[in-house]
Protein backbone atom coordinates (compact mmCIF):
# COMPACT_ATOMS: atom_id res chain seq x y z
CA MET A 1 13.36 30.51 -58.78
CA ARG A 2 9.72 31.36 -59.41
CA GLY A 3 8.64 28.07 -57.82
CA SER A 4 10.68 28.78 -54.71
CA SER A 5 9.19 32.25 -54.41
CA SER A 6 5.65 30.86 -54.58
CA THR A 7 6.41 28.30 -51.88
CA ALA A 8 7.80 30.98 -49.61
CA VAL A 9 4.70 33.12 -50.04
CA GLY A 10 2.51 30.12 -49.20
CA VAL A 11 4.41 29.47 -45.98
CA VAL A 12 4.05 33.12 -44.94
CA VAL A 13 0.30 33.01 -45.56
CA VAL A 14 -0.19 29.81 -43.51
CA ALA A 15 1.88 31.18 -40.66
CA GLY A 16 -0.24 34.29 -40.68
CA LEU A 17 -3.44 32.25 -40.42
CA VAL A 18 -2.06 30.27 -37.47
CA ALA A 19 -1.03 33.43 -35.68
CA ALA A 20 -4.44 34.93 -36.28
CA GLY A 21 -6.14 31.79 -34.96
CA CYS A 22 -4.13 31.87 -31.70
CA ALA A 23 -5.06 35.48 -31.17
CA GLU A 24 -8.79 34.72 -31.13
CA PRO A 25 -10.31 35.24 -27.65
CA ILE A 26 -12.02 32.22 -25.95
CA ASP A 27 -15.46 32.70 -24.50
CA GLY A 28 -16.32 31.39 -21.01
CA SER A 29 -14.98 31.61 -17.48
CA GLY A 30 -12.22 29.57 -15.74
CA THR A 31 -13.88 29.64 -12.33
CA ALA A 32 -16.75 27.53 -10.98
CA ALA A 33 -19.89 29.01 -9.54
CA PRO A 34 -19.87 29.34 -5.72
CA GLY A 35 -22.67 26.78 -5.41
CA GLN A 36 -20.73 24.21 -7.42
CA VAL A 37 -17.63 24.67 -5.25
CA ALA A 38 -19.63 24.22 -2.04
CA ALA A 39 -21.33 21.10 -3.39
CA TYR A 40 -17.99 19.60 -4.45
CA GLN A 41 -16.39 20.35 -1.10
CA ALA A 42 -19.33 18.81 0.76
CA GLU A 43 -19.18 15.70 -1.42
CA LEU A 44 -15.42 15.43 -0.88
CA SER A 45 -15.77 15.82 2.90
CA ALA A 46 -18.47 13.16 3.02
CA SER A 47 -16.28 10.80 1.00
CA VAL A 48 -13.30 11.32 3.32
CA ALA A 49 -15.47 10.85 6.42
CA SER A 50 -16.92 7.66 4.97
CA SER A 51 -13.43 6.33 4.21
CA ILE A 52 -12.23 7.09 7.73
CA ARG A 53 -15.25 5.42 9.28
CA GLN A 54 -14.84 2.35 7.10
CA ASP A 55 -11.20 2.12 8.16
CA ALA A 56 -12.30 2.09 11.81
CA VAL A 57 -14.98 -0.53 11.10
CA ASP A 58 -12.46 -2.80 9.36
CA LEU A 59 -9.99 -2.46 12.21
CA CYS A 60 -12.62 -3.17 14.86
CA ARG A 61 -13.90 -6.26 13.06
CA GLU A 62 -10.41 -7.71 12.80
CA ALA A 63 -9.60 -6.75 16.39
CA MET A 64 -12.71 -8.42 17.80
CA SER A 65 -12.13 -11.60 15.82
CA SER A 66 -8.47 -11.76 16.82
CA MET A 67 -9.22 -11.03 20.48
CA VAL A 68 -11.49 -14.06 20.75
CA VAL A 69 -8.74 -16.33 19.41
CA MET A 70 -6.15 -14.71 21.68
CA VAL A 71 -8.32 -15.09 24.78
CA ASN A 72 -9.17 -18.71 23.97
CA GLY A 73 -5.50 -19.61 23.64
CA TYR A 74 -4.65 -17.83 26.86
CA ASN A 75 -7.56 -19.53 28.65
CA ALA A 76 -6.34 -23.01 27.75
CA PHE A 77 -2.84 -22.17 28.92
CA VAL A 78 -3.75 -20.41 32.17
CA GLN A 79 -6.25 -23.05 33.23
CA ARG A 80 -3.67 -25.80 32.86
CA LEU A 81 -0.97 -23.73 34.57
CA SER A 82 -3.33 -23.03 37.45
CA GLU A 83 -3.74 -26.77 37.94
CA VAL A 84 -0.11 -27.87 37.71
CA HIS A 85 1.74 -24.67 38.77
CA SER A 86 4.61 -25.51 36.45
CA TYR A 87 5.44 -24.51 32.91
CA ASP A 88 7.15 -27.85 32.45
CA ARG A 89 3.78 -29.58 32.84
CA VAL A 90 1.59 -27.49 30.55
CA GLY A 91 2.81 -29.18 27.40
CA ASP A 92 2.92 -26.74 24.50
CA LEU A 93 -0.01 -24.63 25.72
CA ASP A 94 2.30 -21.79 26.70
CA ASP A 95 3.84 -21.73 23.24
CA ARG A 96 0.41 -21.87 21.63
CA ALA A 97 -0.90 -19.05 23.78
CA ARG A 98 2.07 -16.86 22.96
CA ALA A 99 1.85 -17.70 19.24
CA GLY A 100 -1.83 -16.72 19.31
CA LEU A 101 -1.00 -13.39 20.94
CA ILE A 102 1.65 -12.65 18.33
CA ALA A 103 -0.52 -13.68 15.37
CA GLY A 104 -3.49 -11.70 16.63
CA SER A 105 -1.35 -8.62 17.17
CA ASP A 106 0.05 -8.87 13.64
CA VAL A 107 -3.46 -9.00 12.16
CA ILE A 108 -4.67 -6.03 14.20
CA ARG A 109 -1.56 -3.96 13.53
CA ALA A 110 -1.92 -4.51 9.77
CA HIS A 111 -5.28 -2.68 9.91
CA LEU A 112 -3.91 0.41 11.64
CA SER A 113 -3.28 3.21 9.16
CA SER A 114 -2.73 6.95 8.97
CA VAL A 115 -6.49 7.50 8.53
CA THR A 116 -7.57 5.34 11.48
CA PRO A 117 -9.52 7.61 13.86
CA THR A 118 -7.45 8.58 16.89
CA GLU A 119 -10.16 7.47 19.30
CA VAL A 120 -9.73 3.91 18.00
CA ALA A 121 -6.04 3.94 17.05
CA GLU A 122 -4.71 5.03 20.46
CA PRO A 123 -6.39 2.34 22.63
CA THR A 124 -5.58 -0.25 19.96
CA GLU A 125 -1.89 0.61 20.09
CA GLN A 126 -2.01 0.44 23.88
CA PHE A 127 -3.65 -2.98 23.69
CA LEU A 128 -0.94 -4.18 21.31
CA ASP A 129 1.71 -2.99 23.76
CA SER A 130 0.15 -4.88 26.69
CA THR A 131 -0.29 -7.95 24.47
CA GLU A 132 3.42 -7.90 23.76
CA ARG A 133 4.18 -7.63 27.47
CA LEU A 134 1.89 -10.57 28.21
CA GLY A 135 3.58 -12.67 25.54
CA ASP A 136 7.00 -11.76 26.95
CA ALA A 137 5.86 -12.76 30.46
CA ILE A 138 4.72 -16.16 29.18
CA ALA A 139 8.02 -16.60 27.32
CA ALA A 140 9.85 -15.78 30.56
CA ARG A 141 7.73 -18.44 32.33
CA ARG A 142 6.49 -16.04 34.94
CA LEU A 143 3.92 -17.21 37.50
CA THR A 144 2.83 -14.61 40.07
CA GLY A 145 4.24 -11.87 37.81
CA LEU A 146 1.65 -12.81 35.21
CA ASN A 147 -1.20 -11.41 37.33
CA PRO A 148 -0.78 -7.64 36.85
CA ILE A 149 0.13 -8.01 33.19
CA ALA A 150 -2.93 -10.12 32.42
CA THR A 151 -5.10 -7.64 34.33
CA GLU A 152 -3.72 -4.75 32.27
CA TRP A 153 -4.16 -6.71 29.06
CA THR A 154 -7.83 -7.38 29.84
CA ARG A 155 -8.41 -3.72 30.71
CA ASP A 156 -6.80 -2.51 27.48
CA LYS A 157 -8.86 -5.00 25.48
CA LYS A 158 -12.04 -3.64 27.00
CA ALA A 159 -10.98 -0.08 26.15
CA VAL A 160 -10.68 -1.03 22.46
CA LEU A 161 -14.07 -2.73 22.48
CA ASP A 162 -15.67 0.30 24.15
CA ARG A 163 -14.36 2.57 21.38
CA CYS A 164 -15.31 0.11 18.65
CA ALA A 165 -18.89 0.13 19.94
CA GLN A 166 -19.15 3.62 18.42
CA PHE A 167 -18.60 2.23 14.95
CA LEU A 168 -20.37 -1.14 14.87
CA PRO A 169 -22.40 -3.43 17.15
CA LEU A 170 -20.34 -5.80 19.24
CA PRO A 171 -21.23 -9.51 19.01
CA PRO A 172 -21.54 -11.34 22.35
CA THR A 173 -18.29 -13.27 21.85
CA SER A 174 -16.22 -10.15 21.26
CA ASP A 175 -16.11 -9.31 24.96
CA ALA A 176 -14.83 -12.71 25.98
CA SER A 177 -12.42 -12.57 28.89
CA PRO A 178 -9.83 -15.01 30.15
CA ALA A 179 -11.60 -17.74 32.08
CA PRO A 180 -11.35 -17.95 35.88
CA VAL A 181 -9.32 -20.66 37.49
CA PRO A 182 -11.57 -23.62 38.38
CA GLY A 183 -12.83 -23.34 41.93
CA SER A 184 -12.11 -19.61 42.29
CA ALA A 185 -14.76 -17.45 43.89
CA GLY A 186 -16.48 -14.75 41.94
CA SER A 187 -19.79 -13.19 41.12
CA GLY A 188 -21.34 -11.29 38.28
CA GLY A 189 -19.82 -11.34 34.80
CA PRO A 190 -16.79 -13.23 33.52
CA GLN A 191 -13.64 -12.73 35.55
CA THR A 192 -9.97 -13.39 35.02
CA THR A 193 -7.82 -15.13 37.56
CA THR A 194 -4.24 -15.67 36.51
CA PRO A 195 -2.07 -18.45 37.93
CA THR A 196 0.06 -18.20 41.05
CA ALA A 197 2.82 -20.28 42.49
CA PRO A 198 1.69 -22.86 45.10
CA ALA A 199 2.83 -20.75 48.04
CA GLY A 200 2.01 -17.38 46.49
CA PRO A 201 -0.93 -15.07 47.16
CA SER A 202 -4.24 -15.69 45.44
CA ALA A 203 -4.59 -14.07 42.05
CA PRO A 204 -6.79 -10.98 41.71
CA ALA A 205 -9.99 -11.12 39.70
CA THR A 206 -10.08 -9.10 36.50
CA PRO A 207 -13.24 -8.06 34.69
């Protein structure tokens, strides 16, 4: 009984010490100085801005690279179609051109994100839409109907490149346009002339 009493007293004493320790006030303040808050906020804003800009740069680089491949594939197809005026005689160039449009669109779309700047994201999405319409027109084996779609596609591509110029220099090949049909008239920079049926009207030039 005496041993149990001593143990009980010891427990009470330890508990008292713990309670006393918890009651001790802690020196210092839980708030940061105004200057530290401002510096942190400025650093955070700069980091976010840098991340957003890098996202735009990455998208533009991929878009420019993909556009060159897409245009080259379309060039090969449209030049042959302009010569033979028949999808049956272009071999697999129509399928290759369409596959290039789809693959390029997939690469570009993968680099669009929630932090992509609106001034780049919006024209890019519009370009992807016109690329899909161009691919559908090729799949439908359209001839004269290809003209306005190709013209719109080229215009939307240029809009993306114009916005991307705000984020990084554009290499000379990035502004490549579909090649003109051999023998077509034109002056100045590269132009686009899409194929027409033998008896149809001449195709309009597209910058």
